[in-house]
Amino acid sequence: MADPELERVNGIALTAVQALLGLISSDVVAVEVAVEEERVLLSFWVRRRTAEIDEDIADAIGDLEAFLSPDAPLIESRVTVGTPEAAVREPHERMIYWAKFQTCTAPR
């Protein structure tokens, strides 16, 4: 029998991915969703914080609230300039996006 809490966490993580579609700019390094009983925390790691990123986060939160209504939990965000540490995640945390870093070479 499936664990209802695991299904809830995975369902909200998948819904967060859907809410972020089209909103991840090249300045976003990684996104994690942490699902708690009454709250969902979207954590963003960015190369630099811009007004565009803040607007995209607000749009993602609005979309996630709409997708999870009528029983939407409190949805909050956290933005960190830098990269996440590759550490073990808690059972309620899901890394849902991690950019591939590509080295760019100047044209010859």
PDB file of N, CA and C in Angstrom:
ATOM      1  N   MET A   1       0.846  -1.188   0.000  1.00  0.00           N
ATOM      2  CA  MET A   1       0.000   0.000   0.000  1.00  0.00           C
ATOM      3  C   MET A   1       0.883   1.239   0.000  1.00  0.00           C
ATOM      4  N   ALA A   2       0.517   2.219  -0.787  1.00  0.00           N
ATOM      5  CA  ALA A   2       1.305   3.443  -0.935  1.00  0.00           C
ATOM      6  C   ALA A   2       1.196   4.309   0.311  1.00  0.00           C
ATOM      7  N   ASP A   3       2.267   5.014   0.595  1.00  0.00           N
ATOM      8  CA  ASP A   3       2.322   5.943   1.717  1.00  0.00           C
ATOM      9  C   ASP A   3       1.649   7.250   1.297  1.00  0.00           C
ATOM     10  N   PRO A   4       0.549   7.651   1.941  1.00  0.00           N
ATOM     11  CA  PRO A   4      -0.169   8.878   1.538  1.00  0.00           C
ATOM     12  C   PRO A   4       0.703  10.142   1.635  1.00  0.00           C
ATOM     13  N   GLU A   5       1.574  10.218   2.636  1.00  0.00           N
ATOM     14  CA  GLU A   5       2.421  11.400   2.776  1.00  0.00           C
ATOM     15  C   GLU A   5       3.448  11.468   1.643  1.00  0.00           C
ATOM     16  N   LEU A   6       4.013  10.340   1.265  1.00  0.00           N
ATOM     17  CA  LEU A   6       4.955  10.294   0.151  1.00  0.00           C
ATOM     18  C   LEU A   6       4.250  10.674  -1.147  1.00  0.00           C
ATOM     19  N   GLU A   7       3.044  10.200  -1.337  1.00  0.00           N
ATOM     20  CA  GLU A   7       2.269  10.563  -2.525  1.00  0.00           C
ATOM     21  C   GLU A   7       1.981  12.064  -2.544  1.00  0.00           C
ATOM     22  N   ARG A   8       1.674  12.633  -1.384  1.00  0.00           N
ATOM     23  CA  ARG A   8       1.405  14.075  -1.294  1.00  0.00           C
ATOM     24  C   ARG A   8       2.656  14.872  -1.656  1.00  0.00           C
ATOM     25  N   VAL A   9       3.803  14.520  -1.074  1.00  0.00           N
ATOM     26  CA  VAL A   9       5.056  15.229  -1.349  1.00  0.00           C
ATOM     27  C   VAL A   9       5.404  15.126  -2.831  1.00  0.00           C
ATOM     28  N   ASN A  10       5.328  13.928  -3.383  1.00  0.00           N
ATOM     29  CA  ASN A  10       5.655  13.741  -4.798  1.00  0.00           C
ATOM     30  C   ASN A  10       4.668  14.477  -5.699  1.00  0.00           C
ATOM     31  N   GLY A  11       3.388  14.474  -5.340  1.00  0.00           N
ATOM     32  CA  GLY A  11       2.378  15.180  -6.125  1.00  0.00           C
ATOM     33  C   GLY A  11       2.616  16.684  -6.140  1.00  0.00           C
ATOM     34  N   ILE A  12       2.939  17.246  -4.982  1.00  0.00           N
ATOM     35  CA  ILE A  12       3.202  18.689  -4.920  1.00  0.00           C
ATOM     36  C   ILE A  12       4.485  19.014  -5.670  1.00  0.00           C
ATOM     37  N   ALA A  13       5.504  18.162  -5.581  1.00  0.00           N
ATOM     38  CA  ALA A  13       6.754  18.398  -6.324  1.00  0.00           C
ATOM     39  C   ALA A  13       6.486  18.403  -7.822  1.00  0.00           C
ATOM     40  N   LEU A  14       5.708  17.460  -8.311  1.00  0.00           N
ATOM     41  CA  LEU A  14       5.383  17.429  -9.738  1.00  0.00           C
ATOM     42  C   LEU A  14       4.561  18.640 -10.155  1.00  0.00           C
ATOM     43  N   THR A  15       3.664  19.073  -9.295  1.00  0.00           N
ATOM     44  CA  THR A  15       2.861  20.255  -9.583  1.00  0.00           C
ATOM     45  C   THR A  15       3.743  21.505  -9.607  1.00  0.00           C
ATOM     46  N   ALA A  16       4.738  21.558  -8.722  1.00  0.00           N
ATOM     47  CA  ALA A  16       5.676  22.691  -8.723  1.00  0.00           C
ATOM     48  C   ALA A  16       6.470  22.731 -10.026  1.00  0.00           C
ATOM     49  N   VAL A  17       6.865  21.567 -10.529  1.00  0.00           N
ATOM     50  CA  VAL A  17       7.562  21.516 -11.819  1.00  0.00           C
ATOM     51  C   VAL A  17       6.667  22.120 -12.902  1.00  0.00           C
ATOM     52  N   GLN A  18       5.402  21.741 -12.896  1.00  0.00           N
ATOM     53  CA  GLN A  18       4.458  22.274 -13.877  1.00  0.00           C
ATOM     54  C   GLN A  18       4.325  23.794 -13.730  1.00  0.00           C
ATOM     55  N   ALA A  19       4.268  24.282 -12.494  1.00  0.00           N
ATOM     56  CA  ALA A  19       4.130  25.724 -12.256  1.00  0.00           C
ATOM     57  C   ALA A  19       5.360  26.492 -12.736  1.00  0.00           C
ATOM     58  N   LEU A  20       6.516  25.845 -12.754  1.00  0.00           N
ATOM     59  CA  LEU A  20       7.753  26.515 -13.157  1.00  0.00           C
ATOM     60  C   LEU A  20       8.015  26.476 -14.656  1.00  0.00           C
ATOM     61  N   LEU A  21       7.213  25.730 -15.400  1.00  0.00           N
ATOM     62  CA  LEU A  21       7.449  25.616 -16.836  1.00  0.00           C
ATOM     63  C   LEU A  21       7.477  26.999 -17.492  1.00  0.00           C
ATOM     64  N   GLY A  22       8.535  27.260 -18.212  1.00  0.00           N
ATOM     65  CA  GLY A  22       8.693  28.531 -18.904  1.00  0.00           C
ATOM     66  C   GLY A  22       9.181  29.671 -18.036  1.00  0.00           C
ATOM     67  N   LEU A  23       9.406  29.412 -16.741  1.00  0.00           N
ATOM     68  CA  LEU A  23       9.796  30.491 -15.838  1.00  0.00           C
ATOM     69  C   LEU A  23      11.241  30.391 -15.363  1.00  0.00           C
ATOM     70  N   ILE A  24      11.982  29.392 -15.807  1.00  0.00           N
ATOM     71  CA  ILE A  24      13.357  29.219 -15.342  1.00  0.00           C
ATOM     72  C   ILE A  24      14.286  29.922 -16.319  1.00  0.00           C
ATOM     73  N   SER A  25      14.872  31.017 -15.861  1.00  0.00           N
ATOM     74  CA  SER A  25      15.779  31.788 -16.716  1.00  0.00           C
ATOM     75  C   SER A  25      17.189  31.205 -16.625  1.00  0.00           C
ATOM     76  N   SER A  26      18.073  31.725 -17.443  1.00  0.00           N
ATOM     77  CA  SER A  26      19.455  31.237 -17.450  1.00  0.00           C
ATOM     78  C   SER A  26      20.197  31.589 -16.164  1.00  0.00           C
ATOM     79  N   ASP A  27      19.670  32.497 -15.360  1.00  0.00           N
ATOM     80  CA  ASP A  27      20.303  32.849 -14.089  1.00  0.00           C
ATOM     81  C   ASP A  27      19.932  31.896 -12.952  1.00  0.00           C
ATOM     82  N   VAL A  28      18.967  31.015 -13.177  1.00  0.00           N
ATOM     83  CA  VAL A  28      18.562  30.065 -12.139  1.00  0.00           C
ATOM     84  C   VAL A  28      19.486  28.856 -12.191  1.00  0.00           C
ATOM     85  N   VAL A  29      20.082  28.534 -11.049  1.00  0.00           N
ATOM     86  CA  VAL A  29      20.999  27.407 -10.941  1.00  0.00           C
ATOM     87  C   VAL A  29      20.241  26.154 -10.529  1.00  0.00           C
ATOM     88  N   ALA A  30      19.366  26.276  -9.528  1.00  0.00           N
ATOM     89  CA  ALA A  30      18.649  25.106  -9.018  1.00  0.00           C
ATOM     90  C   ALA A  30      17.374  25.540  -8.314  1.00  0.00           C
ATOM     91  N   VAL A  31      16.424  24.602  -8.241  1.00  0.00           N
ATOM     92  CA  VAL A  31      15.169  24.839  -7.527  1.00  0.00           C
ATOM     93  C   VAL A  31      14.840  23.581  -6.732  1.00  0.00           C
ATOM     94  N   GLU A  32      14.467  23.792  -5.482  1.00  0.00           N
ATOM     95  CA  GLU A  32      14.070  22.687  -4.611  1.00  0.00           C
ATOM     96  C   GLU A  32      12.703  23.005  -4.029  1.00  0.00           C
ATOM     97  N   VAL A  33      11.903  21.978  -3.839  1.00  0.00           N
ATOM     98  CA  VAL A  33      10.619  22.146  -3.160  1.00  0.00           C
ATOM     99  C   VAL A  33      10.657  21.319  -1.882  1.00  0.00           C
ATOM    100  N   ALA A  34      10.290  21.946  -0.780  1.00  0.00           N
ATOM    101  CA  ALA A  34      10.186  21.272   0.508  1.00  0.00           C
ATOM    102  C   ALA A  34       8.726  21.321   0.924  1.00  0.00           C
ATOM    103  N   VAL A  35       8.150  20.149   1.148  1.00  0.00           N
ATOM    104  CA  VAL A  35       6.731  20.052   1.486  1.00  0.00           C
ATOM    105  C   VAL A  35       6.605  19.691   2.955  1.00  0.00           C
ATOM    106  N   GLU A  36       6.008  20.597   3.701  1.00  0.00           N
ATOM    107  CA  GLU A  36       5.735  20.349   5.108  1.00  0.00           C
ATOM    108  C   GLU A  36       4.227  20.225   5.276  1.00  0.00           C
ATOM    109  N   GLU A  37       3.762  19.986   6.476  1.00  0.00           N
ATOM    110  CA  GLU A  37       2.340  19.746   6.682  1.00  0.00           C
ATOM    111  C   GLU A  37       1.467  20.910   6.234  1.00  0.00           C
ATOM    112  N   GLU A  38       1.832  22.120   6.610  1.00  0.00           N
ATOM    113  CA  GLU A  38       1.007  23.292   6.305  1.00  0.00           C
ATOM    114  C   GLU A  38       1.683  24.280   5.358  1.00  0.00           C
ATOM    115  N   ARG A  39       2.877  23.915   4.829  1.00  0.00           N
ATOM    116  CA  ARG A  39       3.653  24.888   4.072  1.00  0.00           C
ATOM    117  C   ARG A  39       4.449  24.188   2.972  1.00  0.00           C
ATOM    118  N   VAL A  40       4.625  24.918   1.869  1.00  0.00           N
ATOM    119  CA  VAL A  40       5.508  24.491   0.786  1.00  0.00           C
ATOM    120  C   VAL A  40       6.544  25.604   0.616  1.00  0.00           C
ATOM    121  N   LEU A  41       7.824  25.217   0.623  1.00  0.00           N
ATOM    122  CA  LEU A  41       8.906  26.179   0.458  1.00  0.00           C
ATOM    123  C   LEU A  41       9.606  25.907  -0.863  1.00  0.00           C
ATOM    124  N   LEU A  42       9.602  26.905  -1.745  1.00  0.00           N
ATOM    125  CA  LEU A  42      10.353  26.829  -2.991  1.00  0.00           C
ATOM    126  C   LEU A  42      11.674  27.549  -2.767  1.00  0.00           C
ATOM    127  N   SER A  43      12.779  26.819  -2.879  1.00  0.00           N
ATOM    128  CA  SER A  43      14.111  27.399  -2.709  1.00  0.00           C
ATOM    129  C   SER A  43      14.762  27.527  -4.075  1.00  0.00           C
ATOM    130  N   PHE A  44      15.245  28.724  -4.360  1.00  0.00           N
ATOM    131  CA  PHE A  44      15.890  29.022  -5.633  1.00  0.00           C
ATOM    132  C   PHE A  44      17.339  29.401  -5.372  1.00  0.00           C
ATOM    133  N   TRP A  45      18.251  28.823  -6.144  1.00  0.00           N
ATOM    134  CA  TRP A  45      19.645  29.244  -6.151  1.00  0.00           C
ATOM    135  C   TRP A  45      19.864  29.912  -7.494  1.00  0.00           C
ATOM    136  N   VAL A  46      20.444  31.104  -7.466  1.00  0.00           N
ATOM    137  CA  VAL A  46      20.579  31.892  -8.688  1.00  0.00           C
ATOM    138  C   VAL A  46      22.009  32.412  -8.831  1.00  0.00           C
ATOM    139  N   ARG A  47      22.394  32.702 -10.075  1.00  0.00           N
ATOM    140  CA  ARG A  47      23.701  33.316 -10.333  1.00  0.00           C
ATOM    141  C   ARG A  47      23.710  34.762  -9.861  1.00  0.00           C
ATOM    142  N   ARG A  48      22.586  35.434 -10.097  1.00  0.00           N
ATOM    143  CA  ARG A  48      22.400  36.814  -9.644  1.00  0.00           C
ATOM    144  C   ARG A  48      20.907  37.036  -9.501  1.00  0.00           C
ATOM    145  N   ARG A  49      20.557  37.848  -8.536  1.00  0.00           N
ATOM    146  CA  ARG A  49      19.136  38.122  -8.295  1.00  0.00           C
ATOM    147  C   ARG A  49      18.718  39.327  -9.122  1.00  0.00           C
ATOM    148  N   THR A  50      17.656  39.138  -9.886  1.00  0.00           N
ATOM    149  CA  THR A  50      17.168  40.205 -10.758  1.00  0.00           C
ATOM    150  C   THR A  50      15.672  40.395 -10.539  1.00  0.00           C
ATOM    151  N   ALA A  51      15.159  41.488 -11.046  1.00  0.00           N
ATOM    152  CA  ALA A  51      13.719  41.735 -10.987  1.00  0.00           C
ATOM    153  C   ALA A  51      12.968  40.658 -11.764  1.00  0.00           C
ATOM    154  N   GLU A  52      13.559  40.181 -12.869  1.00  0.00           N
ATOM    155  CA  GLU A  52      12.925  39.120 -13.663  1.00  0.00           C
ATOM    156  C   GLU A  52      12.770  37.836 -12.837  1.00  0.00           C
ATOM    157  N   ILE A  53      13.784  37.497 -12.071  1.00  0.00           N
ATOM    158  CA  ILE A  53      13.698  36.301 -11.226  1.00  0.00           C
ATOM    159  C   ILE A  53      12.612  36.479 -10.173  1.00  0.00           C
ATOM    160  N   ASP A  54      12.565  37.638  -9.531  1.00  0.00           N
ATOM    161  CA  ASP A  54      11.525  37.886  -8.525  1.00  0.00           C
ATOM    162  C   ASP A  54      10.128  37.782  -9.142  1.00  0.00           C
ATOM    163  N   GLU A  55       9.970  38.306 -10.343  1.00  0.00           N
ATOM    164  CA  GLU A  55       8.679  38.233 -11.027  1.00  0.00           C
ATOM    165  C   GLU A  55       8.327  36.790 -11.387  1.00  0.00           C
ATOM    166  N   ASP A  56       9.311  36.035 -11.869  1.00  0.00           N
ATOM    167  CA  ASP A  56       9.078  34.629 -12.207  1.00  0.00           C
ATOM    168  C   ASP A  56       8.700  33.813 -10.975  1.00  0.00           C
ATOM    169  N   ILE A  57       9.328  34.097  -9.842  1.00  0.00           N
ATOM    170  CA  ILE A  57       8.998  33.394  -8.602  1.00  0.00           C
ATOM    171  C   ILE A  57       7.570  33.712  -8.179  1.00  0.00           C
ATOM    172  N   ALA A  58       7.191  34.974  -8.259  1.00  0.00           N
ATOM    173  CA  ALA A  58       5.817  35.361  -7.915  1.00  0.00           C
ATOM    174  C   ALA A  58       4.813  34.661  -8.839  1.00  0.00           C
ATOM    175  N   ASP A  59       5.134  34.587 -10.128  1.00  0.00           N
ATOM    176  CA  ASP A  59       4.253  33.894 -11.077  1.00  0.00           C
ATOM    177  C   ASP A  59       4.157  32.399 -10.747  1.00  0.00           C
ATOM    178  N   ALA A  60       5.295  31.785 -10.415  1.00  0.00           N
ATOM    179  CA  ALA A  60       5.304  30.358 -10.089  1.00  0.00           C
ATOM    180  C   ALA A  60       4.475  30.079  -8.840  1.00  0.00           C
ATOM    181  N   ILE A  61       4.598  30.934  -7.835  1.00  0.00           N
ATOM    182  CA  ILE A  61       3.815  30.759  -6.612  1.00  0.00           C
ATOM    183  C   ILE A  61       2.325  30.908  -6.918  1.00  0.00           C
ATOM    184  N   GLY A  62       1.958  31.896  -7.706  1.00  0.00           N
ATOM    185  CA  GLY A  62       0.556  32.073  -8.084  1.00  0.00           C
ATOM    186  C   GLY A  62       0.008  30.876  -8.835  1.00  0.00           C
ATOM    187  N   ASP A  63       0.802  30.345  -9.772  1.00  0.00           N
ATOM    188  CA  ASP A  63       0.363  29.163 -10.519  1.00  0.00           C
ATOM    189  C   ASP A  63       0.245  27.952  -9.606  1.00  0.00           C
ATOM    190  N   LEU A  64       1.217  27.768  -8.714  1.00  0.00           N
ATOM    191  CA  LEU A  64       1.173  26.629  -7.798  1.00  0.00           C
ATOM    192  C   LEU A  64      -0.043  26.716  -6.881  1.00  0.00           C
ATOM    193  N   GLU A  65      -0.344  27.909  -6.388  1.00  0.00           N
ATOM    194  CA  GLU A  65      -1.542  28.091  -5.555  1.00  0.00           C
ATOM    195  C   GLU A  65      -2.795  27.715  -6.337  1.00  0.00           C
ATOM    196  N   ALA A  66      -2.855  28.129  -7.603  1.00  0.00           N
ATOM    197  CA  ALA A  66      -4.025  27.808  -8.428  1.00  0.00           C
ATOM    198  C   ALA A  66      -4.134  26.300  -8.660  1.00  0.00           C
ATOM    199  N   PHE A  67      -3.005  25.655  -8.958  1.00  0.00           N
ATOM    200  CA  PHE A  67      -3.020  24.212  -9.202  1.00  0.00           C
ATOM    201  C   PHE A  67      -3.431  23.428  -7.954  1.00  0.00           C
ATOM    202  N   LEU A  68      -3.051  23.922  -6.771  1.00  0.00           N
ATOM    203  CA  LEU A  68      -3.318  23.194  -5.531  1.00  0.00           C
ATOM    204  C   LEU A  68      -4.621  23.602  -4.851  1.00  0.00           C
ATOM    205  N   SER A  69      -5.336  24.586  -5.418  1.00  0.00           N
ATOM    206  CA  SER A  69      -6.573  25.031  -4.778  1.00  0.00           C
ATOM    207  C   SER A  69      -7.631  23.941  -4.895  1.00  0.00           C
ATOM    208  N   PRO A  70      -8.567  23.870  -4.030  1.00  0.00           N
ATOM    209  CA  PRO A  70      -8.921  24.852  -3.009  1.00  0.00           C
ATOM    210  C   PRO A  70      -8.175  24.661  -1.694  1.00  0.00           C
ATOM    211  N   ASP A  71      -7.400  23.610  -1.564  1.00  0.00           N
ATOM    212  CA  ASP A  71      -6.714  23.326  -0.295  1.00  0.00           C
ATOM    213  C   ASP A  71      -5.239  23.682  -0.341  1.00  0.00           C
ATOM    214  N   ALA A  72      -4.901  24.771  -0.991  1.00  0.00           N
ATOM    215  CA  ALA A  72      -3.496  25.150  -1.147  1.00  0.00           C
ATOM    216  C   ALA A  72      -2.870  25.468   0.206  1.00  0.00           C
ATOM    217  N   PRO A  73      -1.710  24.877   0.487  1.00  0.00           N
ATOM    218  CA  PRO A  73      -0.989  25.246   1.710  1.00  0.00           C
ATOM    219  C   PRO A  73      -0.327  26.604   1.526  1.00  0.00           C
ATOM    220  N   LEU A  74       0.236  27.145   2.583  1.00  0.00           N
ATOM    221  CA  LEU A  74       1.021  28.369   2.495  1.00  0.00           C
ATOM    222  C   LEU A  74       2.226  28.073   1.609  1.00  0.00           C
ATOM    223  N   ILE A  75       2.473  28.918   0.616  1.00  0.00           N
ATOM    224  CA  ILE A  75       3.606  28.724  -0.292  1.00  0.00           C
ATOM    225  C   ILE A  75       4.547  29.908  -0.122  1.00  0.00           C
ATOM    226  N   GLU A  76       5.793  29.601   0.224  1.00  0.00           N
ATOM    227  CA  GLU A  76       6.804  30.626   0.440  1.00  0.00           C
ATOM    228  C   GLU A  76       8.002  30.341  -0.457  1.00  0.00           C
ATOM    229  N   SER A  77       8.858  31.350  -0.592  1.00  0.00           N
ATOM    230  CA  SER A  77      10.059  31.169  -1.410  1.00  0.00           C
ATOM    231  C   SER A  77      11.277  31.678  -0.659  1.00  0.00           C
ATOM    232  N   ARG A  78      12.415  31.138  -1.079  1.00  0.00           N
ATOM    233  CA  ARG A  78      13.710  31.576  -0.550  1.00  0.00           C
ATOM    234  C   ARG A  78      14.653  31.652  -1.746  1.00  0.00           C
ATOM    235  N   VAL A  79      15.428  32.732  -1.832  1.00  0.00           N
ATOM    236  CA  VAL A  79      16.370  32.908  -2.937  1.00  0.00           C
ATOM    237  C   VAL A  79      17.769  33.039  -2.356  1.00  0.00           C
ATOM    238  N   THR A  80      18.692  32.244  -2.892  1.00  0.00           N
ATOM    239  CA  THR A  80      20.085  32.272  -2.467  1.00  0.00           C
ATOM    240  C   THR A  80      20.951  32.490  -3.702  1.00  0.00           C
ATOM    241  N   VAL A  81      21.858  33.451  -3.629  1.00  0.00           N
ATOM    242  CA  VAL A  81      22.813  33.642  -4.717  1.00  0.00           C
ATOM    243  C   VAL A  81      23.946  32.656  -4.480  1.00  0.00           C
ATOM    244  N   GLY A  82      24.157  31.783  -5.457  1.00  0.00           N
ATOM    245  CA  GLY A  82      25.184  30.758  -5.336  1.00  0.00           C
ATOM    246  C   GLY A  82      24.645  29.417  -5.801  1.00  0.00           C
ATOM    247  N   THR A  83      25.307  28.362  -5.366  1.00  0.00           N
ATOM    248  CA  THR A  83      24.902  27.016  -5.763  1.00  0.00           C
ATOM    249  C   THR A  83      24.577  26.190  -4.524  1.00  0.00           C
ATOM    250  N   PRO A  84      23.649  25.267  -4.656  1.00  0.00           N
ATOM    251  CA  PRO A  84      23.320  24.412  -3.511  1.00  0.00           C
ATOM    252  C   PRO A  84      24.431  23.395  -3.277  1.00  0.00           C
ATOM    253  N   GLU A  85      24.552  22.984  -2.049  1.00  0.00           N
ATOM    254  CA  GLU A  85      25.497  21.927  -1.749  1.00  0.00           C
ATOM    255  C   GLU A  85      24.850  20.602  -2.101  1.00  0.00           C
ATOM    256  N   ALA A  86      25.627  19.712  -2.655  1.00  0.00           N
ATOM    257  CA  ALA A  86      25.111  18.393  -3.036  1.00  0.00           C
ATOM    258  C   ALA A  86      25.044  17.524  -1.789  1.00  0.00           C
ATOM    259  N   ALA A  87      24.053  17.759  -0.984  1.00  0.00           N
ATOM    260  CA  ALA A  87      23.879  17.025   0.272  1.00  0.00           C
ATOM    261  C   ALA A  87      22.654  16.132   0.170  1.00  0.00           C
ATOM    262  N   VAL A  88      22.539  15.247   1.103  1.00  0.00           N
ATOM    263  CA  VAL A  88      21.380  14.365   1.156  1.00  0.00           C
ATOM    264  C   VAL A  88      20.147  15.197   1.510  1.00  0.00           C
ATOM    265  N   ARG A  89      19.076  14.958   0.805  1.00  0.00           N
ATOM    266  CA  ARG A  89      17.829  15.677   1.035  1.00  0.00           C
ATOM    267  C   ARG A  89      17.007  14.977   2.119  1.00  0.00           C
ATOM    268  N   GLU A  90      16.217  15.759   2.800  1.00  0.00           N
ATOM    269  CA  GLU A  90      15.255  15.209   3.748  1.00  0.00           C
ATOM    270  C   GLU A  90      14.131  14.544   2.962  1.00  0.00           C
ATOM    271  N   PRO A  91      13.363  13.646   3.584  1.00  0.00           N
ATOM    272  CA  PRO A  91      12.285  12.958   2.848  1.00  0.00           C
ATOM    273  C   PRO A  91      11.235  13.895   2.252  1.00  0.00           C
ATOM    274  N   HIS A  92      11.060  15.081   2.815  1.00  0.00           N
ATOM    275  CA  HIS A  92      10.039  16.009   2.327  1.00  0.00           C
ATOM    276  C   HIS A  92      10.603  17.022   1.330  1.00  0.00           C
ATOM    277  N   GLU A  93      11.873  16.894   0.950  1.00  0.00           N
ATOM    278  CA  GLU A  93      12.515  17.830   0.026  1.00  0.00           C
ATOM    279  C   GLU A  93      12.792  17.155  -1.312  1.00  0.00           C
ATOM    280  N   ARG A  94      12.552  17.902  -2.381  1.00  0.00           N
ATOM    281  CA  ARG A  94      12.822  17.380  -3.731  1.00  0.00           C
ATOM    282  C   ARG A  94      13.550  18.449  -4.534  1.00  0.00           C
ATOM    283  N   MET A  95      14.705  18.102  -5.067  1.00  0.00           N
ATOM    284  CA  MET A  95      15.400  18.984  -6.000  1.00  0.00           C
ATOM    285  C   MET A  95      14.702  18.768  -7.336  1.00  0.00           C
ATOM    286  N   ILE A  96      14.067  19.807  -7.851  1.00  0.00           N
ATOM    287  CA  ILE A  96      13.269  19.634  -9.070  1.00  0.00           C
ATOM    288  C   ILE A  96      13.925  20.250 -10.306  1.00  0.00           C
ATOM    289  N   TYR A  97      15.005  21.006 -10.094  1.00  0.00           N
ATOM    290  CA  TYR A  97      15.735  21.560 -11.234  1.00  0.00           C
ATOM    291  C   TYR A  97      17.166  21.815 -10.809  1.00  0.00           C
ATOM    292  N   TRP A  98      18.114  21.431 -11.658  1.00  0.00           N
ATOM    293  CA  TRP A  98      19.519  21.755 -11.433  1.00  0.00           C
ATOM    294  C   TRP A  98      20.139  21.977 -12.799  1.00  0.00           C
ATOM    295  N   ALA A  99      20.595  23.206 -13.057  1.00  0.00           N
ATOM    296  CA  ALA A  99      21.113  23.571 -14.375  1.00  0.00           C
ATOM    297  C   ALA A  99      22.392  22.807 -14.690  1.00  0.00           C
ATOM    298  N   LYS A 100      22.534  22.474 -15.944  1.00  0.00           N
ATOM    299  CA  LYS A 100      23.794  21.928 -16.423  1.00  0.00           C
ATOM    300  C   LYS A 100      24.680  23.114 -16.735  1.00  0.00           C
ATOM    301  N   PHE A 101      25.861  23.111 -16.174  1.00  0.00           N
ATOM    302  CA  PHE A 101      26.791  24.212 -16.448  1.00  0.00           C
ATOM    303  C   PHE A 101      27.568  23.877 -17.690  1.00  0.00           C
ATOM    304  N   GLN A 102      27.540  24.784 -18.622  1.00  0.00           N
ATOM    305  CA  GLN A 102      28.244  24.600 -19.866  1.00  0.00           C
ATOM    306  C   GLN A 102      29.327  25.666 -19.966  1.00  0.00           C
ATOM    307  N   THR A 103      30.476  25.254 -20.420  1.00  0.00           N
ATOM    308  CA  THR A 103      31.520  26.243 -20.641  1.00  0.00           C
ATOM    309  C   THR A 103      31.360  26.785 -22.044  1.00  0.00           C
ATOM    310  N   CYS A 104      31.429  28.063 -22.162  1.00  0.00           N
ATOM    311  CA  CYS A 104      31.286  28.717 -23.463  1.00  0.00           C
ATOM    312  C   CYS A 104      32.662  29.177 -23.914  1.00  0.00           C
ATOM    313  N   THR A 105      32.933  28.936 -25.149  1.00  0.00           N
ATOM    314  CA  THR A 105      34.197  29.402 -25.695  1.00  0.00           C
ATOM    315  C   THR A 105      33.900  30.501 -26.710  1.00  0.00           C
ATOM    316  N   ALA A 106      34.782  31.434 -26.765  1.00  0.00           N
ATOM    317  CA  ALA A 106      34.616  32.543 -27.698  1.00  0.00           C
ATOM    318  C   ALA A 106      34.838  32.041 -29.117  1.00  0.00           C
ATOM    319  N   PRO A 107      34.077  32.565 -30.065  1.00  0.00           N
ATOM    320  CA  PRO A 107      34.278  32.145 -31.449  1.00  0.00           C
ATOM    321  C   PRO A 107      35.673  32.515 -31.920  1.00  0.00           C
ATOM    322  N   ARG A 108      36.237  31.667 -32.762  1.00  0.00           N
ATOM    323  CA  ARG A 108      37.597  31.925 -33.278  1.00  0.00           C
ATOM    324  C   ARG A 108      37.563  32.639 -34.583  1.00  0.00           C
TER     325      ARG A 108
END
